[in-house]
C-alpha atoms as a PDB file:
ATOM      1  CA  UNK A   1       9.555  35.390 -55.365  1.00  0.00           C
ATOM      2  CA  UNK A   2       6.202  36.009 -53.732  1.00  0.00           C
ATOM      3  CA  UNK A   3       3.027  35.714 -55.724  1.00  0.00           C
ATOM      4  CA  UNK A   4       0.849  38.688 -56.549  1.00  0.00           C
ATOM      5  CA  UNK A   5      -1.916  37.291 -54.340  1.00  0.00           C
ATOM      6  CA  UNK A   6       0.466  36.973 -51.358  1.00  0.00           C
ATOM      7  CA  UNK A   7       1.676  40.558 -51.772  1.00  0.00           C
ATOM      8  CA  UNK A   8      -1.867  41.864 -51.986  1.00  0.00           C
ATOM      9  CA  UNK A   9      -2.836  39.920 -48.849  1.00  0.00           C
ATOM     10  CA  UNK A  10       0.222  41.257 -47.026  1.00  0.00           C
ATOM     11  CA  UNK A  11      -0.740  44.833 -47.803  1.00  0.00           C
ATOM     12  CA  UNK A  12      -4.287  44.272 -46.604  1.00  0.00           C
ATOM     13  CA  UNK A  13      -2.964  42.624 -43.444  1.00  0.00           C
ATOM     14  CA  UNK A  14      -0.704  45.562 -42.617  1.00  0.00           C
ATOM     15  CA  UNK A  15      -3.555  48.014 -43.129  1.00  0.00           C
ATOM     16  CA  UNK A  16      -5.948  45.979 -40.979  1.00  0.00           C
ATOM     17  CA  UNK A  17      -3.599  45.538 -38.030  1.00  0.00           C
ATOM     18  CA  UNK A  18      -1.548  48.765 -38.198  1.00  0.00           C
ATOM     19  CA  UNK A  19      -0.912  50.611 -34.966  1.00  0.00           C
ATOM     20  CA  UNK A  20      -2.786  53.847 -34.556  1.00  0.00           C
ATOM     21  CA  UNK A  21       0.173  56.204 -34.211  1.00  0.00           C
ATOM     22  CA  UNK A  22      -0.786  59.850 -34.550  1.00  0.00           C
ATOM     23  CA  UNK A  23       2.352  61.424 -36.017  1.00  0.00           C
ATOM     24  CA  UNK A  24       3.208  65.101 -36.092  1.00  0.00           C
ATOM     25  CA  UNK A  25       1.007  66.850 -38.678  1.00  0.00           C
ATOM     26  CA  UNK A  26       3.744  67.869 -41.084  1.00  0.00           C
ATOM     27  CA  UNK A  27       5.548  64.554 -40.970  1.00  0.00           C
ATOM     28  CA  UNK A  28       2.291  62.634 -41.220  1.00  0.00           C
ATOM     29  CA  UNK A  29       1.236  64.609 -44.287  1.00  0.00           C
ATOM     30  CA  UNK A  30       4.452  63.754 -46.107  1.00  0.00           C
ATOM     31  CA  UNK A  31       4.055  60.079 -45.269  1.00  0.00           C
ATOM     32  CA  UNK A  32       0.395  60.169 -46.277  1.00  0.00           C
ATOM     33  CA  UNK A  33       1.274  61.508 -49.739  1.00  0.00           C
ATOM     34  CA  UNK A  34       3.985  58.867 -50.145  1.00  0.00           C
ATOM     35  CA  UNK A  35       1.594  56.128 -49.016  1.00  0.00           C
ATOM     36  CA  UNK A  36      -1.080  57.251 -51.452  1.00  0.00           C
ATOM     37  CA  UNK A  37       1.395  57.075 -54.317  1.00  0.00           C
ATOM     38  CA  UNK A  38       2.516  53.610 -53.219  1.00  0.00           C
ATOM     39  CA  UNK A  39      -1.029  52.337 -52.926  1.00  0.00           C
ATOM     40  CA  UNK A  40      -1.898  53.532 -56.434  1.00  0.00           C
ATOM     41  CA  UNK A  41       1.192  51.850 -57.883  1.00  0.00           C
ATOM     42  CA  UNK A  42       0.690  48.630 -55.937  1.00  0.00           C
ATOM     43  CA  UNK A  43      -2.971  48.295 -56.756  1.00  0.00           C
ATOM     44  CA  UNK A  44      -2.183  48.874 -60.413  1.00  0.00           C
ATOM     45  CA  UNK A  45       0.565  46.263 -60.640  1.00  0.00           C
ATOM     46  CA  UNK A  46       0.431  44.181 -57.426  1.00  0.00           C
ATOM     47  CA  UNK A  47       3.643  42.465 -58.458  1.00  0.00           C
ATOM     48  CA  UNK A  48       6.507  44.431 -56.912  1.00  0.00           C
ATOM     49  CA  UNK A  49       8.182  44.079 -53.547  1.00  0.00           C
ATOM     50  CA  UNK A  50       6.958  46.581 -50.983  1.00  0.00           C
ATOM     51  CA  UNK A  51       9.739  48.647 -49.431  1.00  0.00           C
ATOM     52  CA  UNK A  52       9.454  51.221 -46.662  1.00  0.00           C
ATOM     53  CA  UNK A  53       5.735  50.649 -45.981  1.00  0.00           C
ATOM     54  CA  UNK A  54       4.732  52.917 -43.088  1.00  0.00           C
ATOM     55  CA  UNK A  55       2.186  52.338 -40.366  1.00  0.00           C
ATOM     56  CA  UNK A  56      -1.295  53.295 -41.443  1.00  0.00           C
ATOM     57  CA  UNK A  57      -3.481  55.433 -39.239  1.00  0.00           C
ATOM     58  CA  UNK A  58      -6.604  53.435 -38.455  1.00  0.00           C
ATOM     59  CA  UNK A  59      -8.954  54.843 -35.870  1.00  0.00           C
ATOM     60  CA  UNK A  60     -10.865  52.213 -33.898  1.00  0.00           C
ATOM     61  CA  UNK A  61     -14.578  51.794 -34.503  1.00  0.00           C
ATOM     62  CA  UNK A  62     -17.191  50.524 -32.100  1.00  0.00           C
ATOM     63  CA  UNK A  63     -18.136  46.871 -32.586  1.00  0.00           C
ATOM     64  CA  UNK A  64     -21.592  45.500 -31.942  1.00  0.00           C
ATOM     65  CA  UNK A  65     -22.348  45.013 -28.217  1.00  0.00           C
ATOM     66  CA  UNK A  66     -21.620  41.501 -26.951  1.00  0.00           C
ATOM     67  CA  UNK A  67     -22.660  39.434 -23.986  1.00  0.00           C
ATOM     68  CA  UNK A  68     -20.049  38.977 -21.274  1.00  0.00           C
ATOM     69  CA  UNK A  69     -18.531  40.559 -18.224  1.00  0.00           C
ATOM     70  CA  UNK A  70     -19.761  44.103 -17.614  1.00  0.00           C
ATOM     71  CA  UNK A  71     -17.244  46.890 -17.275  1.00  0.00           C
ATOM     72  CA  UNK A  72     -16.721  48.479 -13.824  1.00  0.00           C
ATOM     73  CA  UNK A  73     -18.576  51.643 -12.914  1.00  0.00           C
ATOM     74  CA  UNK A  74     -15.256  53.331 -12.150  1.00  0.00           C
ATOM     75  CA  UNK A  75     -13.048  54.811 -14.860  1.00  0.00           C
ATOM     76  CA  UNK A  76      -9.421  54.046 -15.595  1.00  0.00           C
ATOM     77  CA  UNK A  77      -8.349  57.137 -13.613  1.00  0.00           C
ATOM     78  CA  UNK A  78     -10.028  55.710 -10.524  1.00  0.00           C
ATOM     79  CA  UNK A  79      -8.873  52.115 -10.955  1.00  0.00           C
ATOM     80  CA  UNK A  80      -5.284  52.767 -12.099  1.00  0.00           C
ATOM     81  CA  UNK A  81      -4.598  56.389 -11.044  1.00  0.00           C
ATOM     82  CA  UNK A  82      -0.811  55.941 -11.101  1.00  0.00           C
ATOM     83  CA  UNK A  83      -0.982  54.959 -14.782  1.00  0.00           C
ATOM     84  CA  UNK A  84      -2.790  58.071 -16.058  1.00  0.00           C
ATOM     85  CA  UNK A  85      -1.039  61.362 -16.770  1.00  0.00           C
ATOM     86  CA  UNK A  86      -1.248  64.454 -18.957  1.00  0.00           C
ATOM     87  CA  UNK A  87       1.641  65.631 -21.124  1.00  0.00           C
ATOM     88  CA  UNK A  88       1.941  68.862 -23.144  1.00  0.00           C
ATOM     89  CA  UNK A  89       0.051  68.970 -26.421  1.00  0.00           C
ATOM     90  CA  UNK A  90       3.214  69.062 -28.534  1.00  0.00           C
ATOM     91  CA  UNK A  91       3.946  65.425 -27.624  1.00  0.00           C
ATOM     92  CA  UNK A  92       2.656  62.261 -29.242  1.00  0.00           C
ATOM     93  CA  UNK A  93       3.340  59.181 -27.081  1.00  0.00           C
ATOM     94  CA  UNK A  94       5.081  56.299 -28.825  1.00  0.00           C
ATOM     95  CA  UNK A  95       5.826  53.700 -26.148  1.00  0.00           C
ATOM     96  CA  UNK A  96       6.010  52.977 -22.449  1.00  0.00           C
ATOM     97  CA  UNK A  97       9.569  52.648 -21.174  1.00  0.00           C
ATOM     98  CA  UNK A  98       8.832  52.131 -17.477  1.00  0.00           C
ATOM     99  CA  UNK A  99       6.323  53.139 -14.830  1.00  0.00           C
ATOM    100  CA  UNK A 100       7.823  56.636 -14.798  1.00  0.00           C
ATOM    101  CA  UNK A 101       9.054  57.168 -18.370  1.00  0.00           C
ATOM    102  CA  UNK A 102       7.246  57.434 -21.703  1.00  0.00           C
ATOM    103  CA  UNK A 103       8.837  57.727 -25.150  1.00  0.00           C
ATOM    104  CA  UNK A 104       7.279  60.597 -27.107  1.00  0.00           C
ATOM    105  CA  UNK A 105       7.506  62.188 -30.533  1.00  0.00           C
ATOM    106  CA  UNK A 106       7.815  65.936 -30.182  1.00  0.00           C
ATOM    107  CA  UNK A 107       7.640  68.937 -32.456  1.00  0.00           C
ATOM    108  CA  UNK A 108       9.485  69.874 -34.583  1.00  0.00           C
ATOM    109  CA  UNK A 109      10.692  66.285 -35.002  1.00  0.00           C
ATOM    110  CA  UNK A 110      12.552  64.765 -32.079  1.00  0.00           C
ATOM    111  CA  UNK A 111      12.193  61.579 -30.053  1.00  0.00           C
ATOM    112  CA  UNK A 112      12.232  62.390 -26.352  1.00  0.00           C
ATOM    113  CA  UNK A 113      11.837  60.678 -22.986  1.00  0.00           C
ATOM    114  CA  UNK A 114       9.159  62.238 -20.809  1.00  0.00           C
ATOM    115  CA  UNK A 115       9.683  61.749 -17.065  1.00  0.00           C
ATOM    116  CA  UNK A 116       6.414  61.442 -15.175  1.00  0.00           C
ATOM    117  CA  UNK A 117       7.917  62.393 -11.822  1.00  0.00           C
ATOM    118  CA  UNK A 118       9.692  65.582 -12.926  1.00  0.00           C
ATOM    119  CA  UNK A 119       7.240  66.438 -15.763  1.00  0.00           C
ATOM    120  CA  UNK A 120      10.193  67.199 -17.981  1.00  0.00           C
ATOM    121  CA  UNK A 121      11.574  65.637 -21.129  1.00  0.00           C
ATOM    122  CA  UNK A 122      14.985  65.236 -22.697  1.00  0.00           C
ATOM    123  CA  UNK A 123      15.907  64.725 -26.325  1.00  0.00           C
ATOM    124  CA  UNK A 124      16.995  61.257 -27.380  1.00  0.00           C
ATOM    125  CA  UNK A 125      17.365  61.852 -31.119  1.00  0.00           C
ATOM    126  CA  UNK A 126      16.578  64.367 -33.829  1.00  0.00           C
ATOM    127  CA  UNK A 127      14.711  62.802 -36.735  1.00  0.00           C
ATOM    128  CA  UNK A 128      15.316  63.123 -40.445  1.00  0.00           C
ATOM    129  CA  UNK A 129      12.158  61.165 -41.309  1.00  0.00           C
ATOM    130  CA  UNK A 130       9.079  60.089 -39.397  1.00  0.00           C
ATOM    131  CA  UNK A 131       9.507  56.710 -37.682  1.00  0.00           C
ATOM    132  CA  UNK A 132       7.476  53.853 -39.129  1.00  0.00           C
ATOM    133  CA  UNK A 133       7.906  51.382 -36.252  1.00  0.00           C
ATOM    134  CA  UNK A 134       9.556  51.987 -32.875  1.00  0.00           C
ATOM    135  CA  UNK A 135      11.055  49.713 -30.208  1.00  0.00           C
ATOM    136  CA  UNK A 136      12.474  50.809 -26.862  1.00  0.00           C
ATOM    137  CA  UNK A 137      13.945  49.368 -23.688  1.00  0.00           C
ATOM    138  CA  UNK A 138      15.663  51.058 -20.753  1.00  0.00           C
ATOM    139  CA  UNK A 139      18.906  51.456 -22.712  1.00  0.00           C
ATOM    140  CA  UNK A 140      18.095  52.051 -26.389  1.00  0.00           C
ATOM    141  CA  UNK A 141      15.532  53.247 -28.880  1.00  0.00           C
ATOM    142  CA  UNK A 142      15.364  51.719 -32.360  1.00  0.00           C
ATOM    143  CA  UNK A 143      13.107  52.635 -35.252  1.00  0.00           C
ATOM    144  CA  UNK A 144      12.511  52.065 -38.940  1.00  0.00           C
ATOM    145  CA  UNK A 145      12.584  55.011 -41.314  1.00  0.00           C
ATOM    146  CA  UNK A 146      12.903  55.083 -45.088  1.00  0.00           C
ATOM    147  CA  UNK A 147      14.059  51.471 -45.280  1.00  0.00           C
ATOM    148  CA  UNK A 148      16.771  51.720 -42.616  1.00  0.00           C
ATOM    149  CA  UNK A 149      17.190  50.824 -38.951  1.00  0.00           C
ATOM    150  CA  UNK A 150      18.156  53.710 -36.681  1.00  0.00           C
ATOM    151  CA  UNK A 151      19.399  53.416 -33.090  1.00  0.00           C
ATOM    152  CA  UNK A 152      19.990  55.913 -30.280  1.00  0.00           C
ATOM    153  CA  UNK A 153      20.754  55.478 -26.564  1.00  0.00           C
ATOM    154  CA  UNK A 154      17.886  56.447 -24.246  1.00  0.00           C
ATOM    155  CA  UNK A 155      20.333  58.634 -22.347  1.00  0.00           C
ATOM    156  CA  UNK A 156      21.715  60.061 -25.551  1.00  0.00           C
ATOM    157  CA  UNK A 157      22.525  63.585 -26.663  1.00  0.00           C
ATOM    158  CA  UNK A 158      20.242  63.838 -29.663  1.00  0.00           C
ATOM    159  CA  UNK A 159      22.398  61.922 -32.141  1.00  0.00           C
ATOM    160  CA  UNK A 160      20.918  58.929 -33.953  1.00  0.00           C
ATOM    161  CA  UNK A 161      22.964  56.310 -35.767  1.00  0.00           C
ATOM    162  CA  UNK A 162      21.860  54.645 -38.984  1.00  0.00           C
ATOM    163  CA  UNK A 163      22.611  50.951 -38.497  1.00  0.00           C
ATOM    164  CA  UNK A 164      21.763  49.531 -41.885  1.00  0.00           C
ATOM    165  CA  UNK A 165      19.044  48.670 -44.385  1.00  0.00           C
ATOM    166  CA  UNK A 166      16.248  46.329 -43.404  1.00  0.00           C
ATOM    167  CA  UNK A 167      15.746  43.146 -45.368  1.00  0.00           C
ATOM    168  CA  UNK A 168      12.342  41.861 -46.344  1.00  0.00           C
ATOM    169  CA  UNK A 169       9.097  42.890 -47.984  1.00  0.00           C
ATOM    170  CA  UNK A 170       6.531  45.079 -46.199  1.00  0.00           C
ATOM    171  CA  UNK A 171       8.497  45.241 -42.914  1.00  0.00           C
ATOM    172  CA  UNK A 172       6.160  46.511 -40.219  1.00  0.00           C
ATOM    173  CA  UNK A 173       7.466  45.273 -36.837  1.00  0.00           C
ATOM    174  CA  UNK A 174      10.675  45.944 -34.959  1.00  0.00           C
ATOM    175  CA  UNK A 175      12.088  44.876 -31.597  1.00  0.00           C
ATOM    176  CA  UNK A 176      15.244  45.233 -29.548  1.00  0.00           C
ATOM    177  CA  UNK A 177      16.883  41.878 -28.914  1.00  0.00           C
ATOM    178  CA  UNK A 178      19.860  42.408 -26.625  1.00  0.00           C
ATOM    179  CA  UNK A 179      22.682  43.733 -28.788  1.00  0.00           C
ATOM    180  CA  UNK A 180      20.615  43.272 -31.933  1.00  0.00           C
ATOM    181  CA  UNK A 181      17.649  44.877 -33.644  1.00  0.00           C
ATOM    182  CA  UNK A 182      15.075  42.406 -34.970  1.00  0.00           C
ATOM    183  CA  UNK A 183      12.278  42.971 -37.454  1.00  0.00           C
ATOM    184  CA  UNK A 184       9.655  41.050 -39.397  1.00  0.00           C
ATOM    185  CA  UNK A 185       7.002  41.353 -42.066  1.00  0.00           C
ATOM    186  CA  UNK A 186       3.975  39.344 -43.193  1.00  0.00           C
ATOM    187  CA  UNK A 187       6.121  37.643 -45.812  1.00  0.00           C
ATOM    188  CA  UNK A 188       9.707  37.192 -44.760  1.00  0.00           C
ATOM    189  CA  UNK A 189      10.306  35.661 -41.313  1.00  0.00           C
ATOM    190  CA  UNK A 190      12.272  37.366 -38.519  1.00  0.00           C
ATOM    191  CA  UNK A 191      15.566  39.081 -39.282  1.00  0.00           C
ATOM    192  CA  UNK A 192      18.140  40.734 -37.068  1.00  0.00           C
ATOM    193  CA  UNK A 193      21.244  42.907 -37.222  1.00  0.00           C
ATOM    194  CA  UNK A 194      23.793  43.969 -34.634  1.00  0.00           C
ATOM    195  CA  UNK A 195      23.196  47.446 -33.243  1.00  0.00           C
ATOM    196  CA  UNK A 196      26.716  48.199 -34.474  1.00  0.00           C
ATOM    197  CA  UNK A 197      25.736  47.353 -38.043  1.00  0.00           C
ATOM    198  CA  UNK A 198      26.728  44.515 -40.289  1.00  0.00           C
ATOM    199  CA  UNK A 199      24.868  42.066 -42.488  1.00  0.00           C
ATOM    200  CA  UNK A 200      21.236  41.207 -41.680  1.00  0.00           C
ATOM    201  CA  UNK A 201      20.614  37.543 -40.909  1.00  0.00           C
ATOM    202  CA  UNK A 202      17.449  35.505 -40.562  1.00  0.00           C
ATOM    203  CA  UNK A 203      16.880  34.313 -36.997  1.00  0.00           C
ATOM    204  CA  UNK A 204      17.153  30.551 -36.725  1.00  0.00           C
ATOM    205  CA  UNK A 205      13.836  28.672 -36.923  1.00  0.00           C
ATOM    206  CA  UNK A 206      11.938  31.874 -37.755  1.00  0.00           C
ATOM    207  CA  UNK A 207      10.869  31.063 -41.310  1.00  0.00           C
ATOM    208  CA  UNK A 208       7.162  31.732 -41.630  1.00  0.00           C
ATOM    209  CA  UNK A 209       7.014  33.586 -38.302  1.00  0.00           C
ATOM    210  CA  UNK A 210       6.363  37.182 -37.291  1.00  0.00           C
ATOM    211  CA  UNK A 211       7.333  39.082 -34.171  1.00  0.00           C
ATOM    212  CA  UNK A 212       4.751  39.290 -31.422  1.00  0.00           C
ATOM    213  CA  UNK A 213       7.027  40.626 -28.652  1.00  0.00           C
ATOM    214  CA  UNK A 214      10.683  39.650 -28.502  1.00  0.00           C
ATOM    215  CA  UNK A 215      11.724  36.876 -28.105  1.00  0.00           C
ATOM    216  CA  UNK A 216       8.296  35.523 -29.058  1.00  0.00           C
ATOM    217  CA  UNK A 217       7.174  35.041 -32.649  1.00  0.00           C
ATOM    218  CA  UNK A 218       4.032  33.503 -34.124  1.00  0.00           C
ATOM    219  CA  UNK A 219       3.029  31.914 -37.428  1.00  0.00           C
ATOM    220  CA  UNK A 220       0.470  34.658 -38.007  1.00  0.00           C
ATOM    221  CA  UNK A 221      -1.732  33.999 -41.049  1.00  0.00           C
ATOM    222  CA  UNK A 222      -2.312  36.711 -43.625  1.00  0.00           C
ATOM    223  CA  UNK A 223      -6.057  36.226 -43.197  1.00  0.00           C
ATOM    224  CA  UNK A 224      -6.960  37.930 -39.901  1.00  0.00           C
ATOM    225  CA  UNK A 225      -9.805  35.439 -39.377  1.00  0.00           C
ATOM    226  CA  UNK A 226      -7.494  32.420 -39.451  1.00  0.00           C
ATOM    227  CA  UNK A 227      -5.864  31.005 -36.328  1.00  0.00           C
ATOM    228  CA  UNK A 228      -2.097  30.575 -35.946  1.00  0.00           C
ATOM    229  CA  UNK A 229      -0.739  27.218 -34.824  1.00  0.00           C
ATOM    230  CA  UNK A 230       2.389  27.949 -32.779  1.00  0.00           C
ATOM    231  CA  UNK A 231       4.300  30.459 -30.686  1.00  0.00           C
ATOM    232  CA  UNK A 232       8.100  30.196 -30.740  1.00  0.00           C
ATOM    233  CA  UNK A 233      10.725  31.559 -28.345  1.00  0.00           C
ATOM    234  CA  UNK A 234      13.452  32.672 -30.764  1.00  0.00           C
ATOM    235  CA  UNK A 235      16.115  32.692 -28.042  1.00  0.00           C
ATOM    236  CA  UNK A 236      15.549  29.154 -26.772  1.00  0.00           C
ATOM    237  CA  UNK A 237      13.785  27.574 -29.734  1.00  0.00           C
ATOM    238  CA  UNK A 238      10.965  26.364 -27.488  1.00  0.00           C
ATOM    239  CA  UNK A 239       7.701  25.988 -29.395  1.00  0.00           C
ATOM    240  CA  UNK A 240       4.223  26.007 -27.876  1.00  0.00           C
ATOM    241  CA  UNK A 241       1.241  24.803 -29.856  1.00  0.00           C
ATOM    242  CA  UNK A 242      -1.813  27.076 -30.100  1.00  0.00           C
ATOM    243  CA  UNK A 243      -5.189  25.402 -29.634  1.00  0.00           C
ATOM    244  CA  UNK A 244      -8.231  27.499 -30.437  1.00  0.00           C
ATOM    245  CA  UNK A 245     -11.272  27.117 -28.217  1.00  0.00           C
ATOM    246  CA  UNK A 246     -14.357  25.825 -30.008  1.00  0.00           C
ATOM    247  CA  UNK A 247     -15.579  28.232 -32.674  1.00  0.00           C
ATOM    248  CA  UNK A 248     -12.918  30.880 -32.044  1.00  0.00           C
ATOM    249  CA  UNK A 249     -11.341  32.612 -35.049  1.00  0.00           C
ATOM    250  CA  UNK A 250      -8.556  35.122 -35.611  1.00  0.00           C
ATOM    251  CA  UNK A 251      -6.501  34.341 -32.506  1.00  0.00           C
ATOM    252  CA  UNK A 252      -3.494  36.543 -31.848  1.00  0.00           C
ATOM    253  CA  UNK A 253      -1.331  35.308 -28.990  1.00  0.00           C
ATOM    254  CA  UNK A 254       1.471  36.179 -26.660  1.00  0.00           C
ATOM    255  CA  UNK A 255       3.365  33.412 -24.844  1.00  0.00           C
ATOM    256  CA  UNK A 256       0.366  32.780 -22.544  1.00  0.00           C
ATOM    257  CA  UNK A 257      -2.799  34.647 -23.558  1.00  0.00           C
ATOM    258  CA  UNK A 258      -4.698  34.963 -26.846  1.00  0.00           C
ATOM    259  CA  UNK A 259      -7.546  37.110 -28.114  1.00  0.00           C
ATOM    260  CA  UNK A 260      -9.972  35.983 -30.794  1.00  0.00           C
ATOM    261  CA  UNK A 261     -13.613  36.172 -31.801  1.00  0.00           C
ATOM    262  CA  UNK A 262     -16.554  33.800 -31.803  1.00  0.00           C
ATOM    263  CA  UNK A 263     -19.288  35.437 -33.819  1.00  0.00           C
ATOM    264  CA  UNK A 264     -19.864  38.826 -32.179  1.00  0.00           C
ATOM    265  CA  UNK A 265     -18.165  37.788 -28.935  1.00  0.00           C
ATOM    266  CA  UNK A 266     -14.591  38.582 -27.917  1.00  0.00           C
ATOM    267  CA  UNK A 267     -12.856  35.537 -26.483  1.00  0.00           C
ATOM    268  CA  UNK A 268      -9.757  35.540 -24.314  1.00  0.00           C
ATOM    269  CA  UNK A 269      -8.066  32.178 -23.755  1.00  0.00           C
ATOM    270  CA  UNK A 270      -4.749  30.622 -22.864  1.00  0.00           C
ATOM    271  CA  UNK A 271      -2.733  29.301 -25.807  1.00  0.00           C
ATOM    272  CA  UNK A 272      -3.666  25.711 -24.921  1.00  0.00           C
ATOM    273  CA  UNK A 273      -7.368  26.531 -25.274  1.00  0.00           C
ATOM    274  CA  UNK A 274      -8.053  26.600 -21.534  1.00  0.00           C
ATOM    275  CA  UNK A 275      -9.486  29.344 -19.272  1.00  0.00           C
ATOM    276  CA  UNK A 276     -11.838  30.580 -21.983  1.00  0.00           C
ATOM    277  CA  UNK A 277     -13.374  33.950 -21.109  1.00  0.00           C
ATOM    278  CA  UNK A 278     -16.010  35.765 -23.135  1.00  0.00           C
ATOM    279  CA  UNK A 279     -15.406  39.462 -22.637  1.00  0.00           C
ATOM    280  CA  UNK A 280     -17.266  42.434 -24.057  1.00  0.00           C
ATOM    281  CA  UNK A 281     -15.991  44.989 -26.548  1.00  0.00           C
ATOM    282  CA  UNK A 282     -12.453  43.705 -27.128  1.00  0.00           C
ATOM    283  CA  UNK A 283     -12.438  42.550 -30.740  1.00  0.00           C
ATOM    284  CA  UNK A 284     -12.660  44.886 -33.702  1.00  0.00           C
ATOM    285  CA  UNK A 285      -9.254  46.451 -33.022  1.00  0.00           C
ATOM    286  CA  UNK A 286      -6.374  45.554 -35.373  1.00  0.00           C
ATOM    287  CA  UNK A 287      -3.561  45.350 -32.791  1.00  0.00           C
ATOM    288  CA  UNK A 288      -4.748  42.290 -30.868  1.00  0.00           C
ATOM    289  CA  UNK A 289      -1.473  41.108 -29.307  1.00  0.00           C
ATOM    290  CA  UNK A 290      -1.308  41.489 -25.519  1.00  0.00           C
ATOM    291  CA  UNK A 291       1.064  44.081 -24.097  1.00  0.00           C
ATOM    292  CA  UNK A 292       3.363  42.391 -21.551  1.00  0.00           C
ATOM    293  CA  UNK A 293       1.327  39.216 -22.168  1.00  0.00           C
ATOM    294  CA  UNK A 294      -1.343  40.856 -20.013  1.00  0.00           C
ATOM    295  CA  UNK A 295      -3.237  43.825 -21.482  1.00  0.00           C
ATOM    296  CA  UNK A 296      -5.620  43.855 -24.455  1.00  0.00           C
ATOM    297  CA  UNK A 297      -7.003  47.170 -25.756  1.00  0.00           C
ATOM    298  CA  UNK A 298     -10.576  47.002 -27.027  1.00  0.00           C
ATOM    299  CA  UNK A 299     -12.114  49.046 -29.793  1.00  0.00           C
ATOM    300  CA  UNK A 300     -14.861  50.420 -27.550  1.00  0.00           C
ATOM    301  CA  UNK A 301     -12.465  52.181 -25.170  1.00  0.00           C
ATOM    302  CA  UNK A 302     -11.714  49.391 -22.712  1.00  0.00           C
ATOM    303  CA  UNK A 303      -8.541  47.711 -21.487  1.00  0.00           C
ATOM    304  CA  UNK A 304      -8.719  44.089 -20.427  1.00  0.00           C
ATOM    305  CA  UNK A 305      -6.225  42.914 -17.792  1.00  0.00           C
ATOM    306  CA  UNK A 306      -5.923  39.143 -18.288  1.00  0.00           C
ATOM    307  CA  UNK A 307      -3.991  38.715 -15.019  1.00  0.00           C
ATOM    308  CA  UNK A 308      -6.714  40.347 -12.928  1.00  0.00           C
ATOM    309  CA  UNK A 309      -9.604  39.313 -15.223  1.00  0.00           C
ATOM    310  CA  UNK A 310     -11.034  42.832 -15.276  1.00  0.00           C
ATOM    311  CA  UNK A 311     -12.269  45.202 -17.997  1.00  0.00           C
ATOM    312  CA  UNK A 312     -11.335  48.824 -17.349  1.00  0.00           C
ATOM    313  CA  UNK A 313     -13.060  51.585 -19.361  1.00  0.00           C
ATOM    314  CA  UNK A 314     -11.572  54.918 -20.355  1.00  0.00           C
ATOM    315  CA  UNK A 315     -13.331  57.989 -21.708  1.00  0.00           C
ATOM    316  CA  UNK A 316     -12.035  60.700 -24.009  1.00  0.00           C
ATOM    317  CA  UNK A 317     -13.048  64.335 -23.615  1.00  0.00           C
ATOM    318  CA  UNK A 318     -15.850  65.453 -25.922  1.00  0.00           C
ATOM    319  CA  UNK A 319     -15.681  62.212 -27.884  1.00  0.00           C
ATOM    320  CA  UNK A 320     -12.111  62.842 -29.057  1.00  0.00           C
ATOM    321  CA  UNK A 321     -10.520  60.065 -31.094  1.00  0.00           C
ATOM    322  CA  UNK A 322      -7.803  58.036 -29.408  1.00  0.00           C
ATOM    323  CA  UNK A 323      -4.637  56.238 -30.429  1.00  0.00           C
ATOM    324  CA  UNK A 324      -2.272  53.577 -29.116  1.00  0.00           C
ATOM    325  CA  UNK A 325       1.453  52.977 -29.034  1.00  0.00           C
ATOM    326  CA  UNK A 326       3.420  50.219 -27.332  1.00  0.00           C
ATOM    327  CA  UNK A 327       1.912  50.108 -23.866  1.00  0.00           C
ATOM    328  CA  UNK A 328       0.338  53.561 -24.151  1.00  0.00           C
ATOM    329  CA  UNK A 329      -3.154  54.829 -24.969  1.00  0.00           C
ATOM    330  CA  UNK A 330      -3.638  58.553 -25.565  1.00  0.00           C
ATOM    331  CA  UNK A 331      -6.014  61.275 -26.752  1.00  0.00           C
ATOM    332  CA  UNK A 332      -6.119  65.104 -26.848  1.00  0.00           C
ATOM    333  CA  UNK A 333      -7.631  66.760 -23.800  1.00  0.00           C
ATOM    334  CA  UNK A 334      -7.823  70.441 -22.775  1.00  0.00           C
ATOM    335  CA  UNK A 335      -4.847  71.455 -24.908  1.00  0.00           C
ATOM    336  CA  UNK A 336      -2.699  68.587 -23.650  1.00  0.00           C
ATOM    337  CA  UNK A 337      -2.484  64.865 -24.265  1.00  0.00           C
ATOM    338  CA  UNK A 338      -4.021  62.417 -21.819  1.00  0.00           C
ATOM    339  CA  UNK A 339      -1.932  59.246 -21.534  1.00  0.00           C
ATOM    340  CA  UNK A 340      -2.501  55.802 -20.049  1.00  0.00           C
ATOM    341  CA  UNK A 341       0.869  54.187 -19.334  1.00  0.00           C
ATOM    342  CA  UNK A 342       0.197  50.456 -18.972  1.00  0.00           C
ATOM    343  CA  UNK A 343       3.724  49.877 -17.695  1.00  0.00           C
ATOM    344  CA  UNK A 344       2.652  51.761 -14.548  1.00  0.00           C
ATOM    345  CA  UNK A 345      -0.246  49.439 -13.738  1.00  0.00           C
ATOM    346  CA  UNK A 346       0.652  47.500 -10.560  1.00  0.00           C
ATOM    347  CA  UNK A 347       0.749  43.689 -10.495  1.00  0.00           C
ATOM    348  CA  UNK A 348      -2.648  42.004 -10.244  1.00  0.00           C
ATOM    349  CA  UNK A 349      -3.670  41.178  -6.700  1.00  0.00           C
END
């Protein structure tokens, strides 16, 4: 049984690092009301297990300016033109599938695949509830909703299959792991279940770990200022120690690169503490894990490419607020939705 203090810390952690997914207005309103009720109950008692906790909407705020590499004069459209597109306003991007496909949430409540080349979409699944966390690869889409795992083929006909209930408190991350769906929470290690259903099982050697990006997991502390100590490959069992550079706090790491803070500076480093780079405007955003072990999204509208060692700025129209999904950044623009698909960025030269 977890202590009251641990549960309270877990809730704060989820709120601080939640992805900024802008759900459809009607579905978001229902989830918002449910969340508000949960928060009132939890803050009053702080002693019950948290089930079905959804992703909170947290808009990024600008951190204080820092000293480091200056951003290029060119915008993201000029530097990575093949990665920027506009989709109809009824879509809300969820995740990058490939350089030419983006997973989107569409009105009145369907998950669809938008094809960049044809500018058309096709329905993957019709939703009964708003998804809390989503994972996708070229074959399947999986998501959490109302305490269950749901799965649908990317080339499906609109039918989703409920696989089974998730196990754990405050589950907030999900991943596709071959023929399994894996998930984790700030309290309960990494669990998985066959996509055909069955009994959930804890992944071997995952106690105390959380998913970063399958098959990688990290011993992420509840305190966002504290550094983790190891990254583990859950398929091979290989463990890599994390060494923080001097004075760096709050590291969040993929298998190679980490992002942390030293005072007001953002610091990018390798997990062994080498190749330390002070870069402007990256910290202050709650989702600090690198996408594809390469891209970090900064709170002040910049993307840092660790492979190319370059900061790329983007600008929203009329100061519109922006959101992120898995490998996508997006904001409303001229009646549509402007999207940066990081899966379409070419390899660093």
